[in-house]
């Protein structure tokens, strides 16, 4: 989990943070932790993460229509 914060810091320093969404995962990860390190979402496993990404894509599609 400490490396997740490091990766987000690197993304910010590279000037990419405003252009991408970050989702973190694993059983010890919580939404609270995601908020604390600046991630957009947290999920417990890859399947749940995929569902979150699908919702983001559907919402983006509706906004651009």
Protein backbone atom coordinates (compact mmCIF):
# COMPACT_ATOMS: atom_id res chain seq x y z
CA UNK A 1 0.00 0.00 0.00
CA UNK A 2 2.81 2.51 0.62
CA UNK A 3 3.89 2.09 -3.00
CA UNK A 4 0.40 3.03 -4.18
CA UNK A 5 0.88 6.50 -2.70
CA UNK A 6 4.32 6.70 -4.33
CA UNK A 7 2.86 5.83 -7.74
CA UNK A 8 0.17 8.50 -7.38
CA UNK A 9 2.81 11.07 -6.40
CA UNK A 10 4.80 10.13 -9.51
CA UNK A 11 1.71 10.50 -11.69
CA UNK A 12 1.08 13.96 -10.21
CA UNK A 13 4.71 15.04 -10.65
CA UNK A 14 4.63 13.91 -14.29
CA UNK A 15 1.63 16.19 -14.85
CA UNK A 16 -0.64 13.29 -15.81
CA UNK A 17 -3.08 13.23 -12.89
CA UNK A 18 -5.73 15.44 -14.49
CA UNK A 19 -5.81 13.20 -17.58
CA UNK A 20 -6.26 9.75 -16.04
CA UNK A 21 -8.30 8.00 -13.42
CA UNK A 22 -6.61 5.83 -10.82
CA UNK A 23 -8.22 2.80 -9.24
CA UNK A 24 -6.41 0.84 -6.55
CA UNK A 25 -7.22 -2.58 -5.25
CA UNK A 26 -6.62 -5.47 -2.95
CA UNK A 27 -8.37 -6.75 0.12
CA UNK A 28 -6.71 -4.37 2.62
CA UNK A 29 -7.54 -1.31 0.49
CA UNK A 30 -10.50 0.90 1.42
CA UNK A 31 -12.23 3.92 -0.11
CA UNK A 32 -10.88 5.92 2.84
CA UNK A 33 -7.32 4.94 1.92
CA UNK A 34 -7.99 5.73 -1.75
CA UNK A 35 -9.22 9.20 -0.78
CA UNK A 36 -6.23 9.76 1.50
CA UNK A 37 -3.70 9.05 -1.26
CA UNK A 38 -5.72 10.74 -3.99
CA UNK A 39 -6.94 7.72 -5.97
CA UNK A 40 -10.33 7.89 -7.67
CA UNK A 41 -11.60 4.57 -6.35
CA UNK A 42 -10.71 1.42 -4.46
CA UNK A 43 -11.95 -2.09 -5.11
CA UNK A 44 -11.27 -5.44 -3.46
CA UNK A 45 -10.54 -7.44 -6.60
CA UNK A 46 -10.03 -7.12 -10.35
CA UNK A 47 -13.60 -8.13 -11.23
CA UNK A 48 -15.03 -5.43 -8.98
CA UNK A 49 -12.52 -2.96 -10.41
CA UNK A 50 -13.63 -3.80 -13.93
CA UNK A 51 -17.25 -3.08 -13.01
CA UNK A 52 -16.22 0.34 -11.67
CA UNK A 53 -14.32 1.13 -14.88
CA UNK A 54 -17.35 0.07 -16.97
CA UNK A 55 -19.51 2.53 -14.98
CA UNK A 56 -16.99 5.32 -15.58
CA UNK A 57 -17.00 4.56 -19.31
CA UNK A 58 -20.80 4.47 -19.47
CA UNK A 59 -21.03 7.81 -17.68
CA UNK A 60 -18.45 9.36 -20.03
CA UNK A 61 -20.34 8.00 -23.04
CA UNK A 62 -23.59 9.56 -21.83
CA UNK A 63 -21.89 12.94 -21.28
CA UNK A 64 -20.42 12.98 -24.78
CA UNK A 65 -23.71 12.04 -26.48
